Amino acid sequence: MPERSTLERARRDKREGKSASTQAGEFVREEIEHIREGKHGARSTKQAIAIGLSKARRAGVKVQPSDDTPAETRRKARKDLEAGEHPHKPAAKRSRATKKALKKEGTRAASKTALSKQAKKAAGKRTAGERSAAAKKAARTKGAAGRKAAAKKAARTRKREG
């Protein structure tokens, strides 16, 4: 079950008109934190992200699988979305078994280097147009205060590096 603060942050993102993937990012962040705290581990950064996305879908975030997602993963995503529409308590036995298995995994998947490597690999797969469109949408949904803060930060950076 996601923490209340994560649910609140995801709801706030939705209210602000941010994309489903941004909302889901809150759940992924929570999962990374859990691994860093030692609550459990993950075999890879991809697995940690997958767990976060699954939690997000079950919490009602309508995040779609990408176009190149395998059929089995698509099925799991559809099941998670359906589970999000009619939430119920997870089976205690299965929950325990999952946690026990994850506890045996390492915590390197949530390290800065592992996350950086994953982010660079994911960014490398996107076209310049896709990255540009994402940046434009981010600017649109940032809001006046957010744009002002970003502009101030950019000015400071220019001053420092100029």
N, C-alpha and C. Protein backbone atom coordinates (compact mmCIF):
# COMPACT_ATOMS: atom_id res chain seq x y z
N MET A 1 0.85 -1.19 0.00
CA MET A 1 0.00 0.00 0.00
C MET A 1 0.89 1.24 0.00
N PRO A 2 0.66 2.16 -0.92
CA PRO A 2 1.47 3.38 -0.95
C PRO A 2 1.24 4.25 0.28
N GLU A 3 2.23 5.05 0.61
CA GLU A 3 2.10 5.96 1.75
C GLU A 3 1.13 7.09 1.40
N ARG A 4 0.52 7.67 2.43
CA ARG A 4 -0.47 8.72 2.21
C ARG A 4 0.15 9.93 1.49
N SER A 5 1.38 10.28 1.89
CA SER A 5 2.03 11.45 1.28
C SER A 5 2.26 11.25 -0.22
N THR A 6 2.56 10.01 -0.63
CA THR A 6 2.76 9.70 -2.05
C THR A 6 1.45 9.88 -2.81
N LEU A 7 0.37 9.36 -2.24
CA LEU A 7 -0.95 9.50 -2.87
C LEU A 7 -1.33 10.97 -3.01
N GLU A 8 -1.04 11.76 -1.97
CA GLU A 8 -1.38 13.18 -2.00
C GLU A 8 -0.57 13.91 -3.08
N ARG A 9 0.73 13.58 -3.19
CA ARG A 9 1.57 14.23 -4.21
C ARG A 9 1.09 13.88 -5.62
N ALA A 10 0.70 12.61 -5.80
CA ALA A 10 0.20 12.17 -7.11
C ALA A 10 -1.11 12.87 -7.45
N ARG A 11 -1.99 13.02 -6.46
CA ARG A 11 -3.27 13.72 -6.68
C ARG A 11 -3.03 15.19 -7.03
N ARG A 12 -2.05 15.79 -6.33
CA ARG A 12 -1.72 17.19 -6.60
C ARG A 12 -1.23 17.35 -8.06
N ASP A 13 -0.38 16.41 -8.49
CA ASP A 13 0.12 16.42 -9.87
C ASP A 13 -1.03 16.34 -10.87
N LYS A 14 -2.01 15.49 -10.54
CA LYS A 14 -3.17 15.32 -11.44
C LYS A 14 -3.97 16.62 -11.51
N ARG A 15 -4.18 17.24 -10.36
CA ARG A 15 -4.92 18.52 -10.31
C ARG A 15 -4.21 19.60 -11.12
N GLU A 16 -2.88 19.57 -11.09
CA GLU A 16 -2.08 20.57 -11.81
C GLU A 16 -2.01 20.28 -13.30
N GLY A 17 -2.65 19.19 -13.73
CA GLY A 17 -2.70 18.87 -15.15
C GLY A 17 -1.45 18.18 -15.68
N LYS A 18 -0.67 17.61 -14.79
CA LYS A 18 0.55 16.93 -15.21
C LYS A 18 0.24 15.54 -15.75
N SER A 19 1.16 15.00 -16.53
CA SER A 19 0.92 13.73 -17.22
C SER A 19 0.84 12.56 -16.24
N ALA A 20 0.28 11.45 -16.72
CA ALA A 20 0.15 10.24 -15.89
C ALA A 20 1.52 9.74 -15.47
N SER A 21 2.52 9.88 -16.35
CA SER A 21 3.86 9.39 -16.01
C SER A 21 4.47 10.23 -14.89
N THR A 22 4.13 11.52 -14.82
CA THR A 22 4.61 12.38 -13.73
C THR A 22 3.96 11.94 -12.42
N GLN A 23 2.65 11.65 -12.49
CA GLN A 23 1.94 11.17 -11.30
C GLN A 23 2.56 9.85 -10.83
N ALA A 24 2.84 8.96 -11.79
CA ALA A 24 3.41 7.65 -11.46
C ALA A 24 4.82 7.79 -10.90
N GLY A 25 5.50 8.86 -11.30
CA GLY A 25 6.86 9.11 -10.82
C GLY A 25 6.93 9.20 -9.31
N GLU A 26 5.85 9.68 -8.70
CA GLU A 26 5.80 9.78 -7.23
C GLU A 26 5.90 8.39 -6.59
N PHE A 27 5.25 7.42 -7.22
CA PHE A 27 5.26 6.04 -6.69
C PHE A 27 6.62 5.39 -6.91
N VAL A 28 7.23 5.71 -8.05
CA VAL A 28 8.57 5.18 -8.34
C VAL A 28 9.56 5.76 -7.34
N ARG A 29 9.42 7.07 -7.06
CA ARG A 29 10.29 7.73 -6.08
C ARG A 29 10.16 7.05 -4.72
N GLU A 30 8.92 6.75 -4.33
CA GLU A 30 8.68 6.07 -3.05
C GLU A 30 9.39 4.72 -3.01
N GLU A 31 9.31 3.99 -4.11
CA GLU A 31 9.93 2.66 -4.20
C GLU A 31 11.44 2.76 -4.06
N ILE A 32 12.03 3.74 -4.72
CA ILE A 32 13.49 3.97 -4.64
C ILE A 32 13.87 4.27 -3.19
N GLU A 33 13.06 5.10 -2.53
CA GLU A 33 13.31 5.44 -1.12
C GLU A 33 13.25 4.19 -0.24
N HIS A 34 12.27 3.33 -0.49
CA HIS A 34 12.14 2.09 0.29
C HIS A 34 13.39 1.23 0.15
N ILE A 35 13.91 1.16 -1.06
CA ILE A 35 15.11 0.35 -1.30
C ILE A 35 16.30 0.98 -0.57
N ARG A 36 16.41 2.30 -0.66
CA ARG A 36 17.52 2.99 0.02
C ARG A 36 17.45 2.86 1.53
N GLU A 37 16.21 2.86 2.06
CA GLU A 37 16.02 2.72 3.51
C GLU A 37 16.30 1.30 3.98
N GLY A 38 16.30 0.35 3.03
CA GLY A 38 16.55 -1.05 3.38
C GLY A 38 15.29 -1.83 3.70
N LYS A 39 14.11 -1.26 3.36
CA LYS A 39 12.86 -1.99 3.60
C LYS A 39 12.85 -3.27 2.77
N HIS A 40 13.37 -3.16 1.55
CA HIS A 40 13.53 -4.33 0.67
C HIS A 40 14.54 -3.96 -0.40
N GLY A 41 14.85 -4.88 -1.30
CA GLY A 41 15.80 -4.61 -2.38
C GLY A 41 15.13 -4.77 -3.73
N ALA A 42 15.95 -4.77 -4.76
CA ALA A 42 15.46 -5.01 -6.12
C ALA A 42 16.63 -5.56 -6.93
N ARG A 43 16.32 -6.41 -7.89
CA ARG A 43 17.37 -7.03 -8.70
C ARG A 43 18.00 -5.99 -9.63
N SER A 44 17.16 -5.05 -10.11
CA SER A 44 17.66 -4.03 -11.03
C SER A 44 16.84 -2.75 -10.86
N THR A 45 17.36 -1.68 -11.44
CA THR A 45 16.64 -0.40 -11.41
C THR A 45 15.33 -0.54 -12.15
N LYS A 46 15.35 -1.30 -13.25
CA LYS A 46 14.13 -1.52 -14.04
C LYS A 46 13.05 -2.17 -13.18
N GLN A 47 13.45 -3.13 -12.34
CA GLN A 47 12.48 -3.81 -11.47
C GLN A 47 11.89 -2.81 -10.47
N ALA A 48 12.74 -1.97 -9.90
CA ALA A 48 12.27 -0.97 -8.93
C ALA A 48 11.25 -0.04 -9.59
N ILE A 49 11.52 0.37 -10.83
CA ILE A 49 10.60 1.24 -11.57
C ILE A 49 9.30 0.50 -11.85
N ALA A 50 9.41 -0.77 -12.23
CA ALA A 50 8.22 -1.58 -12.54
C ALA A 50 7.31 -1.72 -11.32
N ILE A 51 7.92 -1.91 -10.15
CA ILE A 51 7.14 -2.04 -8.91
C ILE A 51 6.39 -0.73 -8.66
N GLY A 52 7.09 0.39 -8.82
CA GLY A 52 6.48 1.71 -8.63
C GLY A 52 5.33 1.96 -9.59
N LEU A 53 5.52 1.59 -10.87
CA LEU A 53 4.47 1.77 -11.87
C LEU A 53 3.25 0.92 -11.55
N SER A 54 3.49 -0.31 -11.09
CA SER A 54 2.41 -1.21 -10.73
C SER A 54 1.59 -0.62 -9.58
N LYS A 55 2.30 -0.09 -8.57
CA LYS A 55 1.62 0.54 -7.43
C LYS A 55 0.78 1.73 -7.89
N ALA A 56 1.36 2.51 -8.82
CA ALA A 56 0.66 3.69 -9.33
C ALA A 56 -0.64 3.28 -10.02
N ARG A 57 -0.56 2.26 -10.89
CA ARG A 57 -1.76 1.80 -11.62
C ARG A 57 -2.81 1.30 -10.64
N ARG A 58 -2.37 0.58 -9.61
CA ARG A 58 -3.30 0.05 -8.62
C ARG A 58 -3.91 1.16 -7.76
N ALA A 59 -3.22 2.31 -7.72
CA ALA A 59 -3.75 3.45 -6.97
C ALA A 59 -4.64 4.33 -7.84
N GLY A 60 -4.80 3.94 -9.11
CA GLY A 60 -5.72 4.66 -9.98
C GLY A 60 -5.09 5.61 -10.98
N VAL A 61 -3.76 5.61 -11.08
CA VAL A 61 -3.09 6.46 -12.08
C VAL A 61 -3.17 5.74 -13.42
N LYS A 62 -3.70 6.42 -14.42
CA LYS A 62 -3.92 5.77 -15.73
C LYS A 62 -2.69 5.89 -16.61
N VAL A 63 -1.60 5.25 -16.20
CA VAL A 63 -0.36 5.30 -16.97
C VAL A 63 -0.32 4.12 -17.94
N GLN A 64 -0.17 4.44 -19.23
CA GLN A 64 -0.20 3.42 -20.28
C GLN A 64 1.18 2.83 -20.49
N PRO A 65 1.25 1.53 -20.85
CA PRO A 65 2.57 0.95 -21.18
C PRO A 65 3.06 1.54 -22.50
N SER A 66 4.38 1.61 -22.68
CA SER A 66 4.91 2.19 -23.91
C SER A 66 4.67 1.25 -25.09
N ASP A 67 4.90 1.74 -26.30
CA ASP A 67 4.61 0.98 -27.51
C ASP A 67 5.44 -0.30 -27.64
N ASP A 68 6.67 -0.27 -27.16
CA ASP A 68 7.55 -1.43 -27.31
C ASP A 68 7.53 -2.38 -26.10
N THR A 69 6.47 -2.29 -25.29
CA THR A 69 6.33 -3.15 -24.12
C THR A 69 5.90 -4.55 -24.54
N PRO A 70 6.55 -5.59 -23.96
CA PRO A 70 6.15 -6.97 -24.30
C PRO A 70 4.70 -7.27 -23.90
N ALA A 71 4.11 -8.26 -24.56
CA ALA A 71 2.69 -8.61 -24.35
C ALA A 71 2.39 -8.96 -22.90
N GLU A 72 3.29 -9.72 -22.27
CA GLU A 72 3.07 -10.16 -20.89
C GLU A 72 3.00 -8.95 -19.94
N THR A 73 3.89 -7.99 -20.16
CA THR A 73 3.91 -6.78 -19.33
C THR A 73 2.66 -5.95 -19.57
N ARG A 74 2.20 -5.91 -20.83
CA ARG A 74 0.97 -5.18 -21.17
C ARG A 74 -0.22 -5.77 -20.41
N ARG A 75 -0.25 -7.13 -20.36
CA ARG A 75 -1.34 -7.82 -19.64
C ARG A 75 -1.31 -7.43 -18.17
N LYS A 76 -0.11 -7.43 -17.58
CA LYS A 76 0.06 -7.09 -16.16
C LYS A 76 -0.40 -5.64 -15.93
N ALA A 77 -0.04 -4.73 -16.86
CA ALA A 77 -0.45 -3.33 -16.74
C ALA A 77 -1.96 -3.20 -16.79
N ARG A 78 -2.60 -3.96 -17.69
CA ARG A 78 -4.07 -3.92 -17.81
C ARG A 78 -4.71 -4.42 -16.51
N LYS A 79 -4.17 -5.52 -15.97
CA LYS A 79 -4.69 -6.08 -14.71
C LYS A 79 -4.56 -5.07 -13.58
N ASP A 80 -3.39 -4.39 -13.53
CA ASP A 80 -3.16 -3.40 -12.48
C ASP A 80 -4.15 -2.24 -12.59
N LEU A 81 -4.40 -1.79 -13.82
CA LEU A 81 -5.36 -0.70 -14.03
C LEU A 81 -6.77 -1.11 -13.59
N GLU A 82 -7.14 -2.37 -13.92
CA GLU A 82 -8.45 -2.89 -13.49
C GLU A 82 -8.52 -2.97 -11.97
N ALA A 83 -7.42 -3.42 -11.35
CA ALA A 83 -7.37 -3.53 -9.89
C ALA A 83 -7.50 -2.14 -9.26
N GLY A 84 -7.00 -1.11 -9.95
CA GLY A 84 -7.09 0.25 -9.45
C GLY A 84 -8.51 0.78 -9.45
N GLU A 85 -9.34 0.25 -10.35
CA GLU A 85 -10.74 0.68 -10.42
C GLU A 85 -11.57 0.10 -9.29
N HIS A 86 -11.21 -1.10 -8.84
CA HIS A 86 -11.94 -1.77 -7.75
C HIS A 86 -10.95 -2.23 -6.69
N PRO A 87 -10.41 -1.30 -5.89
CA PRO A 87 -9.37 -1.67 -4.94
C PRO A 87 -9.88 -2.60 -3.83
N HIS A 88 -9.03 -3.52 -3.46
CA HIS A 88 -9.32 -4.40 -2.31
C HIS A 88 -7.99 -4.76 -1.66
N LYS A 89 -8.08 -5.30 -0.44
CA LYS A 89 -6.89 -5.64 0.33
C LYS A 89 -6.12 -6.77 -0.36
N PRO A 90 -4.80 -6.63 -0.50
CA PRO A 90 -4.03 -7.71 -1.15
C PRO A 90 -3.97 -8.97 -0.27
N ALA A 91 -3.76 -10.10 -0.91
CA ALA A 91 -3.67 -11.37 -0.18
C ALA A 91 -2.44 -11.34 0.72
N ALA A 92 -2.64 -11.62 2.00
CA ALA A 92 -1.55 -11.53 2.99
C ALA A 92 -0.42 -12.49 2.65
N LYS A 93 -0.77 -13.71 2.24
CA LYS A 93 0.23 -14.74 1.95
C LYS A 93 1.13 -14.31 0.79
N ARG A 94 0.50 -13.83 -0.27
CA ARG A 94 1.25 -13.38 -1.46
C ARG A 94 2.12 -12.17 -1.12
N SER A 95 1.55 -11.24 -0.35
CA SER A 95 2.25 -10.03 0.05
C SER A 95 3.51 -10.38 0.83
N ARG A 96 3.37 -11.32 1.77
CA ARG A 96 4.51 -11.77 2.59
C ARG A 96 5.59 -12.40 1.72
N ALA A 97 5.15 -13.25 0.78
CA ALA A 97 6.08 -13.97 -0.09
C ALA A 97 6.87 -12.98 -0.96
N THR A 98 6.18 -11.99 -1.49
CA THR A 98 6.83 -10.98 -2.33
C THR A 98 7.87 -10.21 -1.52
N LYS A 99 7.47 -9.78 -0.33
CA LYS A 99 8.38 -9.00 0.52
C LYS A 99 9.60 -9.84 0.90
N LYS A 100 9.38 -11.11 1.19
CA LYS A 100 10.47 -12.00 1.58
C LYS A 100 11.47 -12.15 0.43
N ALA A 101 10.96 -12.30 -0.78
CA ALA A 101 11.81 -12.44 -1.96
C ALA A 101 12.60 -11.15 -2.21
N LEU A 102 11.92 -10.01 -2.07
CA LEU A 102 12.58 -8.72 -2.32
C LEU A 102 13.62 -8.39 -1.26
N LYS A 103 13.40 -8.88 -0.04
CA LYS A 103 14.36 -8.62 1.04
C LYS A 103 15.71 -9.28 0.76
N LYS A 104 15.69 -10.35 -0.04
CA LYS A 104 16.93 -11.06 -0.36
C LYS A 104 17.75 -10.34 -1.44
N GLU A 105 17.11 -9.41 -2.14
CA GLU A 105 17.79 -8.69 -3.21
C GLU A 105 18.62 -7.54 -2.63
N GLY A 106 19.57 -7.08 -3.42
CA GLY A 106 20.45 -6.00 -2.99
C GLY A 106 19.81 -4.63 -3.13
N THR A 107 20.55 -3.61 -2.64
CA THR A 107 20.02 -2.25 -2.68
C THR A 107 20.74 -1.39 -3.72
N ARG A 108 21.63 -1.99 -4.49
CA ARG A 108 22.39 -1.24 -5.50
C ARG A 108 21.50 -0.66 -6.61
N ALA A 109 20.35 -1.27 -6.81
CA ALA A 109 19.44 -0.83 -7.88
C ALA A 109 18.98 0.60 -7.67
N ALA A 110 19.03 1.09 -6.42
CA ALA A 110 18.57 2.45 -6.12
C ALA A 110 19.74 3.41 -5.93
N SER A 111 20.95 2.99 -6.31
CA SER A 111 22.11 3.86 -6.15
C SER A 111 22.07 4.97 -7.20
N LYS A 112 22.79 6.05 -6.93
CA LYS A 112 22.82 7.19 -7.86
C LYS A 112 23.34 6.77 -9.22
N THR A 113 24.39 5.94 -9.23
CA THR A 113 24.98 5.51 -10.51
C THR A 113 24.00 4.66 -11.30
N ALA A 114 23.32 3.73 -10.62
CA ALA A 114 22.37 2.85 -11.30
C ALA A 114 21.21 3.66 -11.89
N LEU A 115 20.69 4.62 -11.13
CA LEU A 115 19.58 5.45 -11.60
C LEU A 115 20.03 6.34 -12.77
N SER A 116 21.25 6.85 -12.67
CA SER A 116 21.80 7.69 -13.73
C SER A 116 21.96 6.90 -15.02
N LYS A 117 22.48 5.70 -14.90
CA LYS A 117 22.68 4.82 -16.06
C LYS A 117 21.34 4.51 -16.72
N GLN A 118 20.33 4.21 -15.90
CA GLN A 118 18.99 3.89 -16.40
C GLN A 118 18.38 5.10 -17.11
N ALA A 119 18.51 6.28 -16.50
CA ALA A 119 17.94 7.50 -17.08
C ALA A 119 18.59 7.82 -18.43
N LYS A 120 19.91 7.68 -18.49
CA LYS A 120 20.63 7.97 -19.75
C LYS A 120 20.21 7.00 -20.84
N LYS A 121 20.05 5.72 -20.47
CA LYS A 121 19.64 4.70 -21.44
C LYS A 121 18.23 5.01 -21.97
N ALA A 122 17.33 5.39 -21.05
CA ALA A 122 15.95 5.70 -21.44
C ALA A 122 15.91 6.95 -22.32
N ALA A 123 16.69 7.96 -21.95
CA ALA A 123 16.72 9.21 -22.73
C ALA A 123 17.29 8.97 -24.12
N GLY A 124 18.25 8.09 -24.21
CA GLY A 124 18.88 7.77 -25.49
C GLY A 124 17.93 7.15 -26.49
N LYS A 125 16.88 6.51 -25.98
CA LYS A 125 15.89 5.86 -26.86
C LYS A 125 14.86 6.84 -27.40
N ARG A 126 14.81 8.05 -26.82
CA ARG A 126 13.82 9.04 -27.25
C ARG A 126 14.39 9.92 -28.35
N THR A 127 13.52 10.33 -29.27
CA THR A 127 13.96 11.21 -30.36
C THR A 127 14.03 12.64 -29.85
N ALA A 128 14.70 13.49 -30.60
CA ALA A 128 14.82 14.91 -30.24
C ALA A 128 13.43 15.54 -30.16
N GLY A 129 12.54 15.16 -31.09
CA GLY A 129 11.18 15.69 -31.11
C GLY A 129 10.40 15.33 -29.86
N GLU A 130 10.55 14.08 -29.42
CA GLU A 130 9.86 13.63 -28.20
C GLU A 130 10.36 14.38 -26.98
N ARG A 131 11.69 14.56 -26.91
CA ARG A 131 12.27 15.29 -25.77
C ARG A 131 11.80 16.73 -25.78
N SER A 132 11.74 17.33 -26.97
CA SER A 132 11.31 18.72 -27.10
C SER A 132 9.85 18.88 -26.68
N ALA A 133 9.00 17.94 -27.14
CA ALA A 133 7.57 17.99 -26.80
C ALA A 133 7.38 17.86 -25.29
N ALA A 134 8.16 16.99 -24.65
CA ALA A 134 8.07 16.80 -23.20
C ALA A 134 8.46 18.08 -22.47
N ALA A 135 9.51 18.74 -22.94
CA ALA A 135 9.97 19.98 -22.32
C ALA A 135 8.92 21.08 -22.46
N LYS A 136 8.29 21.15 -23.65
CA LYS A 136 7.26 22.17 -23.88
C LYS A 136 6.06 21.95 -22.96
N LYS A 137 5.67 20.67 -22.81
CA LYS A 137 4.53 20.36 -21.94
C LYS A 137 4.88 20.70 -20.49
N ALA A 138 6.11 20.40 -20.09
CA ALA A 138 6.56 20.69 -18.73
C ALA A 138 6.46 22.19 -18.46
N ALA A 139 6.87 22.99 -19.44
CA ALA A 139 6.79 24.45 -19.28
C ALA A 139 5.35 24.91 -19.16
N ARG A 140 4.46 24.28 -19.93
CA ARG A 140 3.03 24.65 -19.89
C ARG A 140 2.41 24.34 -18.53
N THR A 141 2.76 23.19 -17.97
CA THR A 141 2.09 22.75 -16.74
C THR A 141 2.82 23.21 -15.47
N LYS A 142 3.90 23.95 -15.64
CA LYS A 142 4.70 24.38 -14.49
C LYS A 142 3.97 25.42 -13.64
N GLY A 143 3.21 26.30 -14.29
CA GLY A 143 2.52 27.35 -13.55
C GLY A 143 3.40 28.58 -13.44
N ALA A 144 2.81 29.72 -13.10
CA ALA A 144 3.53 30.99 -13.07
C ALA A 144 4.67 30.98 -12.06
N ALA A 145 4.39 30.51 -10.86
CA ALA A 145 5.41 30.50 -9.80
C ALA A 145 6.57 29.59 -10.18
N GLY A 146 6.24 28.46 -10.76
CA GLY A 146 7.27 27.50 -11.18
C GLY A 146 8.14 28.07 -12.29
N ARG A 147 7.50 28.76 -13.25
CA ARG A 147 8.26 29.38 -14.35
C ARG A 147 9.19 30.46 -13.82
N LYS A 148 8.69 31.25 -12.87
CA LYS A 148 9.48 32.33 -12.29
C LYS A 148 10.71 31.76 -11.59
N ALA A 149 10.50 30.69 -10.81
CA ALA A 149 11.61 30.05 -10.08
C ALA A 149 12.64 29.49 -11.07
N ALA A 150 12.14 28.87 -12.15
CA ALA A 150 13.03 28.30 -13.16
C ALA A 150 13.84 29.40 -13.86
N ALA A 151 13.19 30.52 -14.15
CA ALA A 151 13.87 31.64 -14.81
C ALA A 151 14.96 32.20 -13.91
N LYS A 152 14.66 32.34 -12.60
CA LYS A 152 15.66 32.84 -11.64
C LYS A 152 16.85 31.90 -11.57
N LYS A 153 16.56 30.61 -11.54
CA LYS A 153 17.64 29.61 -11.48
C LYS A 153 18.51 29.68 -12.73
N ALA A 154 17.86 29.82 -13.89
CA ALA A 154 18.59 29.92 -15.17
C ALA A 154 19.48 31.16 -15.16
N ALA A 155 18.96 32.27 -14.64
CA ALA A 155 19.73 33.52 -14.58
C ALA A 155 20.95 33.35 -13.69
N ARG A 156 20.76 32.70 -12.55
CA ARG A 156 21.89 32.44 -11.63
C ARG A 156 22.95 31.59 -12.31
N THR A 157 22.49 30.57 -13.04
CA THR A 157 23.43 29.67 -13.73
C THR A 157 24.21 30.45 -14.80
N ARG A 158 23.49 31.27 -15.57
CA ARG A 158 24.16 32.08 -16.60
C ARG A 158 25.20 33.01 -16.00
N LYS A 159 24.84 33.63 -14.88
CA LYS A 159 25.74 34.57 -14.20
C LYS A 159 27.00 33.84 -13.72
N ARG A 160 26.79 32.65 -13.15
CA ARG A 160 27.90 31.86 -12.59
C ARG A 160 28.84 31.36 -13.70
N GLU A 161 28.25 30.91 -14.80
CA GLU A 161 29.03 30.31 -15.87
C GLU A 161 29.45 31.31 -16.94
N GLY A 162 28.89 32.53 -16.90
CA GLY A 162 29.14 33.54 -17.95
C GLY A 162 30.36 34.33 -17.75
